[in-house]
């Protein structure tokens, strides 16, 4: 009750403070409820889904949002894609295919937990340029694989063994998914939006090659170092497993040839991934592709609808994530985000700084304002143009500013459990406590900013961006 009282108290205090000039009463009230909800998410007086529902209830009871506004995101693509990814992962594990692939990975890289982790990190990064949805890529392909790998190594939160290796592996795979998304225009659905907005501001377009070349050095540095950093600050209990490859090969031998259900699952998931990669040219979006794969599993009874309905993690994640997206969406529509951007413009412009510190200040404000967003696309659409324009006005090289803000629009998803599409499935698996998730996310965000500032800045100088 104390934690709940703090959340309600924060919201109430903000609610009854008169809004600043330029902010409507409705926008200010929504901000107060959203901030109170985020405080509740961090302090956890109740389950995450319950906290989000309290926020939605407060929005409707105070008439800050109508019913249709409060539930607008429950029909949006990303929450449903994440829920379907959970159902696909259920079939992936139930069929035995998850265990088979997990044992194969363990037999090849399983002498150490670090080796297993790097194998998943770089496999995901290799697929990143081809799958333009981090929710599909991380949630639909690598989350079920990581989960199967954890279970195969006897790390399961249901048994209290999450810290054996799963907590480290899940957190690392999530964090590096934000990096791989930043490295390629085609690795995240919102990146083309940043490119289009940058073209309007710069008068010239950023090519796929320019974006990839600019992200190469800072991205690779982070992909290599993040598993090592987390290995030190959030270590797995089991680090060396010299007998694991031998045991894994024995388990593979016991499994024998692929069963019919494994073949069906492999075919369904292969078709889904193919449509995630090439479906855009056919007009097939990520959710339609995922539904096709799930339909195959349901028709062939590899998984059942009863099992899907009974998947608590899928429904819980869908509910709280959609609720937060609804509130964040209307913060933008009610004008709070544009007002906030204008205040940043005034603040930076009034300091009379040279372009380097001015751009650093702009980047920090842009990055950490992501605590108010449950979508990278919403953040880019609301703030990218304003912050890019201010950066250019202070003398920052236009291409450097456009690329840095565009790539960091992915990386800033590292902060929370709701800021990017890959976060909900990895967090929802129950391996990493929420406070630890936020703490590690903030700590790593400092490292990412340092890498993009210094290593990225030096690399961009070498390739002639400034």
Protein backbone atom coordinates (compact mmCIF):
# COMPACT_ATOMS: atom_id res chain seq x y z
CA UNK A 1 0.00 0.00 0.00
CA UNK A 2 2.91 2.36 0.67
CA UNK A 3 4.21 1.91 -2.88
CA UNK A 4 0.73 2.33 -4.30
CA UNK A 5 0.29 5.47 -2.21
CA UNK A 6 3.49 6.93 -3.65
CA UNK A 7 2.30 6.29 -7.22
CA UNK A 8 -1.13 7.79 -6.59
CA UNK A 9 0.40 10.67 -4.64
CA UNK A 10 2.78 11.63 -7.44
CA UNK A 11 -0.06 11.56 -9.96
CA UNK A 12 -2.37 13.56 -7.68
CA UNK A 13 0.19 16.28 -6.93
CA UNK A 14 0.92 16.77 -10.64
CA UNK A 15 -2.79 16.59 -11.50
CA UNK A 16 -3.70 19.54 -9.29
CA UNK A 17 -0.73 21.73 -10.21
CA UNK A 18 -1.83 24.32 -12.79
CA UNK A 19 -0.41 23.42 -16.21
CA UNK A 20 2.41 25.54 -17.64
CA UNK A 21 1.57 28.12 -20.27
CA UNK A 22 1.07 26.43 -23.63
CA UNK A 23 -0.07 23.08 -22.17
CA UNK A 24 -3.78 22.25 -22.13
CA UNK A 25 -5.44 21.02 -18.94
CA UNK A 26 -6.26 17.71 -20.66
CA UNK A 27 -2.63 17.15 -21.72
CA UNK A 28 -1.39 18.01 -18.21
CA UNK A 29 -3.86 15.66 -16.54
CA UNK A 30 -2.83 12.86 -18.88
CA UNK A 31 0.83 13.55 -18.12
CA UNK A 32 0.15 13.32 -14.37
CA UNK A 33 -1.61 9.94 -14.77
CA UNK A 34 1.10 8.64 -17.10
CA UNK A 35 3.88 9.68 -14.68
CA UNK A 36 2.01 8.07 -11.78
CA UNK A 37 1.64 4.88 -13.84
CA UNK A 38 5.37 4.83 -14.63
CA UNK A 39 6.18 5.31 -10.92
CA UNK A 40 3.92 2.34 -10.23
CA UNK A 41 5.65 0.29 -12.90
CA UNK A 42 9.02 1.02 -11.29
CA UNK A 43 7.95 0.49 -7.64
CA UNK A 44 5.57 -2.40 -8.42
CA UNK A 45 2.86 -2.14 -5.76
CA UNK A 46 0.86 -4.52 -7.98
CA UNK A 47 1.53 -6.69 -11.01
CA UNK A 48 2.55 -4.72 -14.07
CA UNK A 49 -0.71 -5.33 -15.92
CA UNK A 50 -2.74 -4.24 -12.88
CA UNK A 51 -0.77 -0.97 -12.62
CA UNK A 52 -1.40 -0.25 -16.30
CA UNK A 53 -5.13 -0.93 -15.86
CA UNK A 54 -5.25 1.47 -12.89
CA UNK A 55 -3.74 4.09 -15.17
CA UNK A 56 -6.36 3.46 -17.86
CA UNK A 57 -9.12 3.55 -15.23
CA UNK A 58 -7.84 6.88 -13.91
CA UNK A 59 -7.79 8.31 -17.44
CA UNK A 60 -11.43 7.36 -17.98
CA UNK A 61 -12.73 8.27 -14.50
CA UNK A 62 -11.23 11.75 -14.77
CA UNK A 63 -12.57 12.03 -18.33
CA UNK A 64 -9.04 12.69 -19.53
CA UNK A 65 -9.53 10.00 -22.18
CA UNK A 66 -12.68 8.56 -23.67
CA UNK A 67 -13.16 4.80 -23.88
CA UNK A 68 -12.13 4.70 -27.54
CA UNK A 69 -9.04 6.82 -26.83
CA UNK A 70 -8.00 4.76 -23.79
CA UNK A 71 -8.23 1.52 -25.80
CA UNK A 72 -6.96 2.82 -29.13
CA UNK A 73 -3.68 0.88 -28.97
CA UNK A 74 -5.41 -2.42 -28.25
CA UNK A 75 -6.01 -2.68 -32.00
CA UNK A 76 -2.51 -1.57 -33.02
CA UNK A 77 0.03 -3.85 -34.64
CA UNK A 78 2.91 -4.15 -32.17
CA UNK A 79 1.04 -5.42 -29.06
CA UNK A 80 -0.69 -8.09 -31.14
CA UNK A 81 2.57 -9.07 -32.83
CA UNK A 82 4.15 -9.58 -29.41
CA UNK A 83 1.21 -11.68 -28.19
CA UNK A 84 1.29 -13.86 -31.32
CA UNK A 85 5.06 -14.26 -30.88
CA UNK A 86 4.38 -15.78 -27.45
CA UNK A 87 1.90 -18.24 -28.98
CA UNK A 88 4.35 -19.17 -31.72
CA UNK A 89 7.04 -19.73 -29.10
CA UNK A 90 4.66 -22.07 -27.27
CA UNK A 91 4.43 -24.27 -30.36
CA UNK A 92 8.17 -23.94 -30.91
CA UNK A 93 8.87 -25.38 -27.46
CA UNK A 94 5.99 -27.88 -27.28
CA UNK A 95 6.88 -29.51 -30.61
CA UNK A 96 10.41 -30.23 -29.39
CA UNK A 97 12.02 -28.14 -32.13
CA UNK A 98 13.10 -25.54 -29.57
CA UNK A 99 14.96 -28.14 -27.53
CA UNK A 100 16.55 -29.64 -30.63
CA UNK A 101 17.93 -26.29 -31.82
CA UNK A 102 18.95 -25.36 -28.28
CA UNK A 103 20.88 -28.61 -27.89
CA UNK A 104 22.54 -28.04 -31.26
CA UNK A 105 23.69 -24.57 -30.16
CA UNK A 106 24.91 -25.94 -26.82
CA UNK A 107 26.84 -28.70 -28.58
CA UNK A 108 28.60 -26.10 -30.76
CA UNK A 109 29.11 -23.21 -28.30
CA UNK A 110 28.12 -24.60 -24.92
CA UNK A 111 31.42 -24.80 -23.07
CA UNK A 112 30.63 -21.39 -21.54
CA UNK A 113 27.52 -19.31 -20.94
CA UNK A 114 29.32 -16.40 -22.59
CA UNK A 115 29.86 -18.45 -25.75
CA UNK A 116 26.17 -19.35 -25.91
CA UNK A 117 25.22 -15.73 -25.46
CA UNK A 118 27.53 -14.43 -28.20
CA UNK A 119 26.17 -17.04 -30.62
CA UNK A 120 22.64 -15.65 -30.18
CA UNK A 121 23.74 -12.00 -30.19
CA UNK A 122 25.54 -12.19 -33.52
CA UNK A 123 22.95 -14.49 -35.12
CA UNK A 124 20.30 -11.87 -34.33
CA UNK A 125 22.52 -9.08 -35.67
CA UNK A 126 23.05 -10.98 -38.94
CA UNK A 127 19.29 -11.24 -39.47
CA UNK A 128 18.66 -7.61 -38.48
CA UNK A 129 19.10 -6.04 -41.97
CA UNK A 130 16.57 -8.48 -43.45
CA UNK A 131 13.72 -8.27 -40.90
CA UNK A 132 12.38 -4.72 -40.50
CA UNK A 133 10.56 -5.39 -37.23
CA UNK A 134 12.46 -5.73 -33.98
CA UNK A 135 9.31 -7.14 -32.34
CA UNK A 136 9.10 -9.88 -34.97
CA UNK A 137 12.82 -10.58 -35.04
CA UNK A 138 13.43 -10.58 -31.29
CA UNK A 139 10.01 -11.76 -30.14
CA UNK A 140 9.19 -14.18 -32.93
CA UNK A 141 12.57 -15.78 -33.63
CA UNK A 142 15.16 -15.24 -30.92
CA UNK A 143 13.01 -15.00 -27.80
CA UNK A 144 11.60 -18.54 -28.17
CA UNK A 145 15.07 -19.81 -29.02
CA UNK A 146 16.60 -18.10 -25.98
CA UNK A 147 13.81 -19.40 -23.78
CA UNK A 148 14.27 -22.96 -25.05
CA UNK A 149 18.00 -22.65 -24.47
CA UNK A 150 17.46 -21.51 -20.88
CA UNK A 151 15.04 -24.35 -20.17
CA UNK A 152 17.42 -26.88 -21.74
CA UNK A 153 20.09 -25.66 -19.32
CA UNK A 154 17.76 -25.97 -16.29
CA UNK A 155 17.23 -22.25 -15.84
CA UNK A 156 13.54 -21.57 -15.22
CA UNK A 157 11.93 -18.80 -13.10
CA UNK A 158 9.13 -21.23 -12.19
CA UNK A 159 11.72 -23.33 -10.34
CA UNK A 160 13.64 -20.40 -8.87
CA UNK A 161 16.63 -21.10 -11.12
CA UNK A 162 16.35 -17.98 -13.31
CA UNK A 163 19.79 -16.72 -12.24
CA UNK A 164 21.50 -19.93 -13.26
CA UNK A 165 21.97 -18.45 -16.75
CA UNK A 166 18.58 -17.26 -18.02
CA UNK A 167 18.51 -13.81 -16.39
CA UNK A 168 21.88 -12.92 -17.90
CA UNK A 169 21.03 -14.40 -21.29
CA UNK A 170 17.59 -12.76 -21.58
CA UNK A 171 18.82 -9.33 -20.52
CA UNK A 172 21.79 -9.49 -22.89
CA UNK A 173 19.73 -10.63 -25.87
CA UNK A 174 17.27 -7.80 -25.28
CA UNK A 175 19.92 -5.10 -24.89
CA UNK A 176 21.77 -6.11 -28.03
CA UNK A 177 18.51 -6.17 -30.02
CA UNK A 178 18.35 -2.38 -29.59
CA UNK A 179 21.88 -2.12 -30.99
CA UNK A 180 21.28 -4.30 -34.05
CA UNK A 181 18.10 -2.29 -34.74
CA UNK A 182 20.18 0.91 -34.76
CA UNK A 183 22.74 -0.40 -37.24
CA UNK A 184 20.53 -0.72 -40.34
CA UNK A 185 17.66 1.28 -41.82
CA UNK A 186 15.82 -1.97 -42.49
CA UNK A 187 16.27 -3.39 -38.97
CA UNK A 188 13.43 -1.44 -37.37
CA UNK A 189 10.10 -0.30 -38.79
CA UNK A 190 10.49 3.31 -37.63
CA UNK A 191 13.95 3.89 -39.15
CA UNK A 192 12.59 4.80 -42.62
CA UNK A 193 10.45 7.46 -40.90
CA UNK A 194 13.61 9.05 -39.48
CA UNK A 195 15.20 8.90 -42.95
CA UNK A 196 12.19 10.64 -44.52
CA UNK A 197 12.11 13.34 -41.84
CA UNK A 198 15.86 13.86 -42.22
CA UNK A 199 15.47 14.23 -45.99
CA UNK A 200 12.99 17.07 -45.44
CA UNK A 201 15.34 18.83 -43.04
CA UNK A 202 18.61 18.23 -44.94
CA UNK A 203 17.38 18.40 -48.52
CA UNK A 204 19.15 15.11 -49.25
CA UNK A 205 18.39 11.51 -48.35
CA UNK A 206 20.39 9.09 -46.18
CA UNK A 207 21.18 5.94 -48.15
CA UNK A 208 21.08 2.41 -46.71
CA UNK A 209 24.84 2.20 -47.10
CA UNK A 210 25.49 5.53 -45.34
CA UNK A 211 23.38 4.51 -42.36
CA UNK A 212 25.01 1.05 -42.14
CA UNK A 213 28.55 2.43 -42.50
CA UNK A 214 27.93 5.07 -39.84
CA UNK A 215 26.52 2.49 -37.41
CA UNK A 216 29.18 -0.14 -38.07
CA UNK A 217 31.83 0.85 -35.53
CA UNK A 218 29.68 1.99 -32.58
CA UNK A 219 27.31 -0.92 -33.21
CA UNK A 220 30.02 -3.59 -33.27
CA UNK A 221 31.70 -2.12 -30.19
CA UNK A 222 28.42 -2.39 -28.27
CA UNK A 223 27.61 -5.88 -29.57
CA UNK A 224 31.02 -7.09 -28.36
CA UNK A 225 31.13 -5.23 -25.03
CA UNK A 226 27.57 -5.46 -23.70
CA UNK A 227 27.70 -9.24 -23.04
CA UNK A 228 31.00 -8.68 -21.21
CA UNK A 229 29.67 -5.75 -19.16
CA UNK A 230 26.59 -7.67 -18.08
CA UNK A 231 28.78 -10.72 -17.41
CA UNK A 232 30.52 -8.61 -14.74
CA UNK A 233 27.64 -6.56 -13.27
CA UNK A 234 24.85 -9.16 -13.70
CA UNK A 235 26.70 -12.47 -13.90
CA UNK A 236 25.14 -15.89 -14.45
CA UNK A 237 25.59 -18.38 -11.64
CA UNK A 238 26.82 -21.01 -14.09
CA UNK A 239 29.70 -19.72 -16.24
CA UNK A 240 31.68 -22.75 -17.33
CA UNK A 241 29.98 -25.89 -18.57
CA UNK A 242 32.71 -28.09 -20.07
CA UNK A 243 30.47 -31.17 -20.07
CA UNK A 244 27.52 -29.38 -21.68
CA UNK A 245 28.46 -30.01 -25.35
CA UNK A 246 28.82 -33.73 -24.71
CA UNK A 247 25.51 -33.88 -22.84
CA UNK A 248 23.80 -31.88 -25.56
CA UNK A 249 25.01 -34.28 -28.26
CA UNK A 250 23.71 -37.20 -26.19
CA UNK A 251 20.31 -35.49 -25.90
CA UNK A 252 20.28 -34.87 -29.66
CA UNK A 253 20.94 -38.54 -30.26
CA UNK A 254 18.04 -39.45 -27.96
CA UNK A 255 15.72 -37.15 -29.91
CA UNK A 256 16.42 -39.05 -33.12
CA UNK A 257 15.12 -37.76 -36.46
CA UNK A 258 12.74 -34.80 -36.71
CA UNK A 259 9.19 -35.64 -35.64
CA UNK A 260 6.20 -34.63 -37.76
CA UNK A 261 5.32 -31.81 -35.34
CA UNK A 262 8.88 -30.49 -35.49
CA UNK A 263 8.78 -30.49 -39.30
CA UNK A 264 5.45 -28.66 -39.30
CA UNK A 265 6.76 -26.11 -36.80
CA UNK A 266 9.96 -25.59 -38.79
CA UNK A 267 7.94 -25.08 -41.97
CA UNK A 268 5.47 -22.68 -40.32
CA UNK A 269 8.22 -20.58 -38.74
CA UNK A 270 10.30 -20.58 -41.93
CA UNK A 271 7.30 -19.32 -43.88
CA UNK A 272 6.65 -16.64 -41.24
CA UNK A 273 10.26 -15.45 -41.28
CA UNK A 274 10.30 -15.41 -45.08
CA UNK A 275 7.22 -13.20 -45.10
CA UNK A 276 8.76 -10.95 -42.44
CA UNK A 277 11.72 -10.49 -44.79
CA UNK A 278 9.98 -10.28 -48.18
CA UNK A 279 6.34 -9.65 -47.28
CA UNK A 280 6.64 -5.89 -47.64
CA UNK A 281 6.95 -6.20 -51.41
CA UNK A 282 3.77 -8.32 -51.40
CA UNK A 283 1.82 -5.98 -49.14
CA UNK A 284 1.80 -8.50 -46.27
CA UNK A 285 2.55 -6.95 -42.88
CA UNK A 286 4.27 -8.60 -39.92
CA UNK A 287 1.08 -9.47 -38.02
CA UNK A 288 -0.49 -11.16 -41.06
CA UNK A 289 2.68 -13.22 -41.51
CA UNK A 290 2.69 -14.22 -37.83
CA UNK A 291 -1.01 -15.16 -37.98
CA UNK A 292 -0.36 -17.40 -40.97
CA UNK A 293 2.36 -19.26 -39.07
CA UNK A 294 0.14 -19.57 -35.99
CA UNK A 295 -2.79 -20.77 -38.12
CA UNK A 296 -0.66 -23.61 -39.48
CA UNK A 297 0.26 -24.67 -35.93
CA UNK A 298 -3.40 -24.51 -34.83
CA UNK A 299 -4.75 -26.43 -37.84
CA UNK A 300 -2.18 -29.21 -37.42
CA UNK A 301 -2.73 -29.30 -33.63
CA UNK A 302 0.93 -28.59 -32.89
CA UNK A 303 -0.50 -26.05 -30.46
CA UNK A 304 -4.12 -25.52 -29.44
CA UNK A 305 -6.27 -22.44 -28.95
CA UNK A 306 -6.78 -23.47 -25.32
CA UNK A 307 -3.02 -23.30 -24.83
CA UNK A 308 -2.91 -19.88 -26.48
CA UNK A 309 -5.76 -18.55 -24.33
CA UNK A 310 -4.07 -19.99 -21.25
CA UNK A 311 -0.76 -18.28 -21.96
CA UNK A 312 -0.74 -15.75 -19.13
CA UNK A 313 2.47 -14.04 -20.26
CA UNK A 314 1.07 -13.31 -23.73
CA UNK A 315 -2.13 -11.69 -22.48
CA UNK A 316 -0.43 -9.86 -19.62
CA UNK A 317 2.21 -8.37 -21.91
CA UNK A 318 -0.34 -7.46 -24.56
CA UNK A 319 -2.51 -5.69 -21.98
CA UNK A 320 0.04 -3.53 -20.19
CA UNK A 321 1.99 -2.67 -23.34
CA UNK A 322 -1.15 -1.58 -25.22
CA UNK A 323 -2.31 0.48 -22.23
CA UNK A 324 0.98 2.38 -22.09
CA UNK A 325 0.99 2.96 -25.85
CA UNK A 326 -2.51 4.47 -25.61
CA UNK A 327 -1.47 6.97 -22.95
CA UNK A 328 1.79 7.85 -24.69
CA UNK A 329 0.02 8.31 -28.02
CA UNK A 330 -2.38 10.89 -26.64
CA UNK A 331 0.37 12.75 -24.80
CA UNK A 332 1.57 13.52 -28.30
CA UNK A 333 -1.86 14.18 -29.80
CA UNK A 334 -2.84 16.54 -26.97
CA UNK A 335 0.24 18.65 -27.70
CA UNK A 336 2.40 17.97 -24.65
CA UNK A 337 5.30 16.53 -26.65
CA UNK A 338 5.37 19.44 -29.11
CA UNK A 339 5.33 21.86 -26.14
CA UNK A 340 8.17 19.95 -24.50
CA UNK A 341 10.19 20.02 -27.74
CA UNK A 342 9.67 23.79 -27.98
CA UNK A 343 10.99 24.25 -24.44
CA UNK A 344 14.11 22.29 -25.34
CA UNK A 345 14.61 24.50 -28.39
CA UNK A 346 14.39 27.63 -26.24
CA UNK A 347 16.69 26.24 -23.55
CA UNK A 348 19.44 25.16 -25.94
CA UNK A 349 19.21 28.30 -28.07
CA UNK A 350 19.49 30.57 -25.04
CA UNK A 351 22.76 29.03 -23.79
CA UNK A 352 24.99 30.35 -26.55
CA UNK A 353 26.98 27.10 -26.61
CA UNK A 354 29.28 25.89 -29.37
CA UNK A 355 27.81 23.10 -31.45
CA UNK A 356 29.54 20.20 -29.64
CA UNK A 357 28.13 20.81 -26.12
CA UNK A 358 24.84 22.05 -27.59
CA UNK A 359 24.45 18.85 -29.60
CA UNK A 360 25.40 16.80 -26.54
CA UNK A 361 22.65 18.50 -24.53
CA UNK A 362 20.13 17.98 -27.34
CA UNK A 363 21.07 14.29 -27.59
CA UNK A 364 20.69 13.71 -23.85
CA UNK A 365 17.25 15.32 -23.76
CA UNK A 366 16.11 13.43 -26.85
CA UNK A 367 17.43 10.12 -25.49
CA UNK A 368 16.08 10.24 -21.95
CA UNK A 369 12.70 11.69 -22.94
CA UNK A 370 12.05 8.14 -24.16
CA UNK A 371 10.84 7.30 -20.65
CA UNK A 372 7.62 9.01 -21.82
CA UNK A 373 7.22 6.83 -24.92
CA UNK A 374 6.08 3.26 -25.51
CA UNK A 375 7.05 3.33 -29.18
CA UNK A 376 10.13 4.34 -31.13
CA UNK A 377 7.97 5.40 -34.06
CA UNK A 378 5.91 7.71 -31.83
CA UNK A 379 9.07 9.27 -30.42
CA UNK A 380 10.58 9.85 -33.87
CA UNK A 381 7.35 11.24 -35.26
CA UNK A 382 6.88 13.61 -32.33
CA UNK A 383 10.39 14.88 -31.64
CA UNK A 384 12.94 13.94 -34.30
CA UNK A 385 12.38 16.88 -36.66
CA UNK A 386 12.35 19.48 -33.87
CA UNK A 387 15.54 18.19 -32.24
CA UNK A 388 17.32 17.76 -35.58
CA UNK A 389 16.44 21.32 -36.58
CA UNK A 390 17.80 22.70 -33.30
CA UNK A 391 21.00 20.65 -33.68
CA UNK A 392 21.60 21.98 -37.18
CA UNK A 393 20.82 25.55 -36.04
CA UNK A 394 23.53 25.29 -33.35
CA UNK A 395 26.10 24.39 -36.01
CA UNK A 396 26.15 20.57 -35.75
CA UNK A 397 27.06 18.86 -39.04
CA UNK A 398 23.65 18.01 -40.55
CA UNK A 399 24.42 14.43 -41.56
CA UNK A 400 26.05 13.64 -38.20
CA UNK A 401 23.04 15.02 -36.34
CA UNK A 402 20.55 13.15 -38.54
CA UNK A 403 22.35 9.80 -38.22
CA UNK A 404 23.10 10.10 -34.51
CA UNK A 405 19.51 10.96 -33.57
CA UNK A 406 18.15 8.33 -35.95
CA UNK A 407 20.32 5.51 -34.63
CA UNK A 408 19.89 6.50 -30.99
CA UNK A 409 16.12 6.40 -31.57
CA UNK A 410 16.58 2.62 -31.45
CA UNK A 411 19.21 2.44 -28.72
CA UNK A 412 17.10 4.45 -26.26
CA UNK A 413 14.69 1.51 -26.17
CA UNK A 414 17.21 -0.01 -23.73
CA UNK A 415 15.84 2.07 -20.85
CA UNK A 416 12.51 0.46 -20.01
CA UNK A 417 10.31 -2.60 -20.27
CA UNK A 418 8.02 -0.81 -22.72
CA UNK A 419 10.19 1.44 -24.90
CA UNK A 420 10.79 -0.88 -27.88
CA UNK A 421 9.06 -3.93 -29.32
CA UNK A 422 11.72 -6.41 -28.19
CA UNK A 423 11.37 -5.49 -24.49
CA UNK A 424 7.96 -6.98 -23.56
CA UNK A 425 8.64 -10.62 -24.54
CA UNK A 426 12.08 -10.78 -22.91
CA UNK A 427 10.86 -9.04 -19.75
CA UNK A 428 7.59 -10.96 -19.70
CA UNK A 429 9.45 -14.28 -19.49
CA UNK A 430 10.02 -13.48 -15.81
CA UNK A 431 13.79 -13.93 -15.65
CA UNK A 432 14.77 -10.35 -14.77
CA UNK A 433 13.06 -8.36 -11.95
CA UNK A 434 11.67 -5.04 -13.09
CA UNK A 435 13.81 -2.83 -10.87
CA UNK A 436 16.91 -4.65 -12.07
CA UNK A 437 15.73 -4.19 -15.67
CA UNK A 438 15.43 -0.41 -15.26
CA UNK A 439 18.71 -0.16 -13.31
CA UNK A 440 20.73 -2.09 -15.88
CA UNK A 441 19.03 -0.26 -18.74
CA UNK A 442 20.04 3.14 -17.36
CA UNK A 443 23.58 1.99 -16.65
CA UNK A 444 24.05 0.62 -20.17
CA UNK A 445 22.47 3.74 -21.68
CA UNK A 446 25.44 5.73 -20.37
CA UNK A 447 27.82 3.32 -22.07
CA UNK A 448 25.91 3.50 -25.36
CA UNK A 449 25.99 7.29 -25.36
CA UNK A 450 29.72 7.30 -24.66
CA UNK A 451 30.36 4.84 -27.49
CA UNK A 452 28.21 6.73 -30.00
CA UNK A 453 29.74 10.07 -28.94
CA UNK A 454 33.44 9.22 -28.90
CA UNK A 455 33.95 6.05 -30.98
CA UNK A 456 31.08 7.00 -33.30
CA UNK A 457 32.23 10.60 -33.56
CA UNK A 458 35.80 9.57 -34.39
CA UNK A 459 34.60 7.02 -36.96
CA UNK A 460 32.32 9.58 -38.62
CA UNK A 461 35.32 11.92 -38.88
CA UNK A 462 37.29 9.15 -40.63
CA UNK A 463 34.53 8.48 -43.17
CA UNK A 464 34.07 12.19 -43.83
CA UNK A 465 30.69 12.97 -42.28
CA UNK A 466 32.15 16.04 -40.59
